[in-house]
Amino acid sequence: MSSDKTQAPSAAAYTNQVYPPNTPGYPQAQPAGFANYIVQPVPVTTITTVRTKPKTYLVPAIIVTLFCCLPLGIVGIVYSVNSSSKFNRGDDAGAASSARSARSWTIAGLVCGIVIICVNVVLRL
């Protein structure tokens, strides 16, 4: 046998190596009496919730405020903005309720404005 052959280092040569602390996959120094346990990852279930934003009726409320009935249009705008803020906070039921109120106040303002305009036209003739 020739002595110039290269041999792989024995396992004893690696016993004194120092690994970085908390490095996954490398053995860590443990106090006496403690055992190493391998913990398997726990499967994670992801739930995706689809949220649909209700129509807020902001533009119709603004148009009703400008051209038909100012007080009822402002109430419609307030409920519309309230609906958007509730949806952004995660309150889907409250957002839908505020959107329905915004629609109702906007329609009421539109009807009231049309009635007032018709009465003015009739009285001027």
C-alpha atoms as a PDB file:
ATOM      1  CA  MET A   1       0.000   0.000   0.000  1.00  0.00           C
ATOM      2  CA  SER A   2       1.265   3.404  -0.836  1.00  0.00           C
ATOM      3  CA  SER A   3       1.093   6.191   1.718  1.00  0.00           C
ATOM      4  CA  ASP A   4       0.261   8.937  -0.811  1.00  0.00           C
ATOM      5  CA  LYS A   5      -3.423   7.989  -1.016  1.00  0.00           C
ATOM      6  CA  THR A   6      -5.770  10.551   0.433  1.00  0.00           C
ATOM      7  CA  GLN A   7      -8.213   9.265   2.993  1.00  0.00           C
ATOM      8  CA  ALA A   8     -11.421  10.895   4.058  1.00  0.00           C
ATOM      9  CA  PRO A   9     -11.304  12.308   7.584  1.00  0.00           C
ATOM     10  CA  SER A  10     -12.880  10.144  10.208  1.00  0.00           C
ATOM     11  CA  ALA A  11     -16.071  11.055  12.042  1.00  0.00           C
ATOM     12  CA  ALA A  12     -14.005  11.874  15.115  1.00  0.00           C
ATOM     13  CA  ALA A  13     -12.444  14.791  13.243  1.00  0.00           C
ATOM     14  CA  TYR A  14     -15.857  16.498  13.058  1.00  0.00           C
ATOM     15  CA  THR A  15     -16.858  16.143  16.716  1.00  0.00           C
ATOM     16  CA  ASN A  16     -15.170  19.354  17.862  1.00  0.00           C
ATOM     17  CA  GLN A  17     -16.649  21.608  15.179  1.00  0.00           C
ATOM     18  CA  VAL A  18     -18.589  24.626  16.360  1.00  0.00           C
ATOM     19  CA  TYR A  19     -21.840  25.354  14.544  1.00  0.00           C
ATOM     20  CA  PRO A  20     -23.591  28.715  14.568  1.00  0.00           C
ATOM     21  CA  PRO A  21     -26.256  28.836  17.287  1.00  0.00           C
ATOM     22  CA  ASN A  22     -29.796  27.852  16.274  1.00  0.00           C
ATOM     23  CA  THR A  23     -28.793  26.763  12.788  1.00  0.00           C
ATOM     24  CA  PRO A  24     -31.410  24.361  11.423  1.00  0.00           C
ATOM     25  CA  GLY A  25     -30.061  21.003  10.357  1.00  0.00           C
ATOM     26  CA  TYR A  26     -26.923  21.151  12.497  1.00  0.00           C
ATOM     27  CA  PRO A  27     -26.513  19.477  15.849  1.00  0.00           C
ATOM     28  CA  GLN A  28     -26.738  21.830  18.806  1.00  0.00           C
ATOM     29  CA  ALA A  29     -25.047  21.489  22.147  1.00  0.00           C
ATOM     30  CA  GLN A  30     -27.538  20.335  24.777  1.00  0.00           C
ATOM     31  CA  PRO A  31     -27.162  20.309  28.546  1.00  0.00           C
ATOM     32  CA  ALA A  32     -26.747  16.900  30.131  1.00  0.00           C
ATOM     33  CA  GLY A  33     -29.988  14.967  30.433  1.00  0.00           C
ATOM     34  CA  PHE A  34     -31.720  16.621  27.470  1.00  0.00           C
ATOM     35  CA  ALA A  35     -32.521  14.842  24.246  1.00  0.00           C
ATOM     36  CA  ASN A  36     -32.881  16.249  20.742  1.00  0.00           C
ATOM     37  CA  TYR A  37     -36.316  15.949  19.231  1.00  0.00           C
ATOM     38  CA  ILE A  38     -37.183  16.380  15.585  1.00  0.00           C
ATOM     39  CA  VAL A  39     -40.436  18.266  15.218  1.00  0.00           C
ATOM     40  CA  GLN A  40     -42.332  17.861  11.984  1.00  0.00           C
ATOM     41  CA  PRO A  41     -44.036  20.959  10.547  1.00  0.00           C
ATOM     42  CA  VAL A  42     -47.774  21.176  11.107  1.00  0.00           C
ATOM     43  CA  PRO A  43     -49.892  21.488   7.965  1.00  0.00           C
ATOM     44  CA  VAL A  44     -51.582  24.883   7.704  1.00  0.00           C
ATOM     45  CA  THR A  45     -55.054  25.376   6.282  1.00  0.00           C
ATOM     46  CA  THR A  46     -55.625  28.683   4.534  1.00  0.00           C
ATOM     47  CA  ILE A  47     -59.168  30.019   4.333  1.00  0.00           C
ATOM     48  CA  THR A  48     -59.859  32.633   1.690  1.00  0.00           C
ATOM     49  CA  THR A  49     -62.936  34.776   2.165  1.00  0.00           C
ATOM     50  CA  VAL A  50     -64.355  36.603  -0.813  1.00  0.00           C
ATOM     51  CA  ARG A  51     -65.768  39.990   0.163  1.00  0.00           C
ATOM     52  CA  THR A  52     -67.834  42.053  -2.218  1.00  0.00           C
ATOM     53  CA  LYS A  53     -68.096  45.763  -1.575  1.00  0.00           C
ATOM     54  CA  PRO A  54     -71.675  47.014  -1.729  1.00  0.00           C
ATOM     55  CA  LYS A  55     -72.539  49.895  -4.044  1.00  0.00           C
ATOM     56  CA  THR A  56     -72.259  53.033  -1.922  1.00  0.00           C
ATOM     57  CA  TYR A  57     -74.389  55.419  -4.045  1.00  0.00           C
ATOM     58  CA  LEU A  58     -71.958  58.284  -3.444  1.00  0.00           C
ATOM     59  CA  VAL A  59     -72.202  59.831  -6.919  1.00  0.00           C
ATOM     60  CA  PRO A  60     -76.033  59.779  -7.052  1.00  0.00           C
ATOM     61  CA  ALA A  61     -76.139  61.250  -3.539  1.00  0.00           C
ATOM     62  CA  ILE A  62     -73.849  64.095  -4.607  1.00  0.00           C
ATOM     63  CA  ILE A  63     -75.956  64.782  -7.719  1.00  0.00           C
ATOM     64  CA  VAL A  64     -79.170  64.780  -5.654  1.00  0.00           C
ATOM     65  CA  THR A  65     -77.527  67.156  -3.173  1.00  0.00           C
ATOM     66  CA  LEU A  66     -76.493  69.601  -5.873  1.00  0.00           C
ATOM     67  CA  PHE A  67     -79.608  69.575  -8.063  1.00  0.00           C
ATOM     68  CA  CYS A  68     -82.620  68.286  -6.131  1.00  0.00           C
ATOM     69  CA  CYS A  69     -82.813  68.361  -2.348  1.00  0.00           C
ATOM     70  CA  LEU A  70     -79.875  69.545  -0.249  1.00  0.00           C
ATOM     71  CA  PRO A  71     -80.802  68.127   3.206  1.00  0.00           C
ATOM     72  CA  LEU A  72     -81.749  64.640   2.061  1.00  0.00           C
ATOM     73  CA  GLY A  73     -78.777  64.474  -0.302  1.00  0.00           C
ATOM     74  CA  ILE A  74     -76.361  65.285   2.535  1.00  0.00           C
ATOM     75  CA  VAL A  75     -77.829  62.473   4.627  1.00  0.00           C
ATOM     76  CA  GLY A  76     -77.327  60.151   1.633  1.00  0.00           C
ATOM     77  CA  ILE A  77     -73.677  61.262   1.351  1.00  0.00           C
ATOM     78  CA  VAL A  78     -73.099  60.626   5.068  1.00  0.00           C
ATOM     79  CA  TYR A  79     -74.522  57.101   4.858  1.00  0.00           C
ATOM     80  CA  SER A  80     -72.512  56.445   1.690  1.00  0.00           C
ATOM     81  CA  VAL A  81     -69.217  57.419   3.300  1.00  0.00           C
ATOM     82  CA  ASN A  82     -70.197  55.457   6.416  1.00  0.00           C
ATOM     83  CA  SER A  83     -70.753  52.385   4.232  1.00  0.00           C
ATOM     84  CA  SER A  84     -67.257  52.658   2.740  1.00  0.00           C
ATOM     85  CA  SER A  85     -65.585  53.071   6.123  1.00  0.00           C
ATOM     86  CA  LYS A  86     -67.485  50.104   7.602  1.00  0.00           C
ATOM     87  CA  PHE A  87     -66.423  47.902   4.688  1.00  0.00           C
ATOM     88  CA  ASN A  88     -62.785  48.945   5.133  1.00  0.00           C
ATOM     89  CA  ARG A  89     -62.979  47.982   8.826  1.00  0.00           C
ATOM     90  CA  GLY A  90     -64.334  44.536   7.915  1.00  0.00           C
ATOM     91  CA  ASP A  91     -67.977  45.091   8.923  1.00  0.00           C
ATOM     92  CA  ASP A  92     -69.665  43.702   5.825  1.00  0.00           C
ATOM     93  CA  ALA A  93     -73.181  43.596   7.308  1.00  0.00           C
ATOM     94  CA  GLY A  94     -72.913  47.177   8.564  1.00  0.00           C
ATOM     95  CA  ALA A  95     -71.594  48.318   5.192  1.00  0.00           C
ATOM     96  CA  ALA A  96     -74.543  46.717   3.400  1.00  0.00           C
ATOM     97  CA  SER A  97     -76.977  48.312   5.858  1.00  0.00           C
ATOM     98  CA  SER A  98     -75.439  51.767   5.415  1.00  0.00           C
ATOM     99  CA  ALA A  99     -75.477  51.325   1.627  1.00  0.00           C
ATOM    100  CA  ARG A 100     -79.210  50.525   1.729  1.00  0.00           C
ATOM    101  CA  SER A 101     -79.791  53.621   3.877  1.00  0.00           C
ATOM    102  CA  ALA A 102     -77.747  55.746   1.456  1.00  0.00           C
ATOM    103  CA  ARG A 103     -79.837  54.443  -1.443  1.00  0.00           C
ATOM    104  CA  SER A 104     -83.082  55.154   0.412  1.00  0.00           C
ATOM    105  CA  TRP A 105     -82.100  58.700   1.369  1.00  0.00           C
ATOM    106  CA  THR A 106     -80.842  59.409  -2.148  1.00  0.00           C
ATOM    107  CA  ILE A 107     -84.092  58.199  -3.715  1.00  0.00           C
ATOM    108  CA  ALA A 108     -86.105  60.185  -1.163  1.00  0.00           C
ATOM    109  CA  GLY A 109     -84.084  63.301  -1.999  1.00  0.00           C
ATOM    110  CA  LEU A 110     -84.599  62.737  -5.716  1.00  0.00           C
ATOM    111  CA  VAL A 111     -88.364  62.297  -5.339  1.00  0.00           C
ATOM    112  CA  CYS A 112     -88.613  65.296  -3.019  1.00  0.00           C
ATOM    113  CA  GLY A 113     -86.594  67.424  -5.446  1.00  0.00           C
ATOM    114  CA  ILE A 114     -88.711  66.398  -8.431  1.00  0.00           C
ATOM    115  CA  VAL A 115     -91.905  67.168  -6.508  1.00  0.00           C
ATOM    116  CA  ILE A 116     -90.597  70.595  -5.469  1.00  0.00           C
ATOM    117  CA  ILE A 117     -89.515  71.406  -9.034  1.00  0.00           C
ATOM    118  CA  CYS A 118     -92.900  70.303 -10.434  1.00  0.00           C
ATOM    119  CA  VAL A 119     -94.783  72.390  -7.857  1.00  0.00           C
ATOM    120  CA  ASN A 120     -92.645  75.440  -8.721  1.00  0.00           C
ATOM    121  CA  VAL A 121     -93.288  74.982 -12.446  1.00  0.00           C
ATOM    122  CA  VAL A 122     -97.045  74.613 -11.923  1.00  0.00           C
ATOM    123  CA  LEU A 123     -97.238  77.665  -9.631  1.00  0.00           C
ATOM    124  CA  ARG A 124     -95.316  79.864 -12.068  1.00  0.00           C
ATOM    125  CA  LEU A 125     -97.640  79.106 -14.956  1.00  0.00           C
END
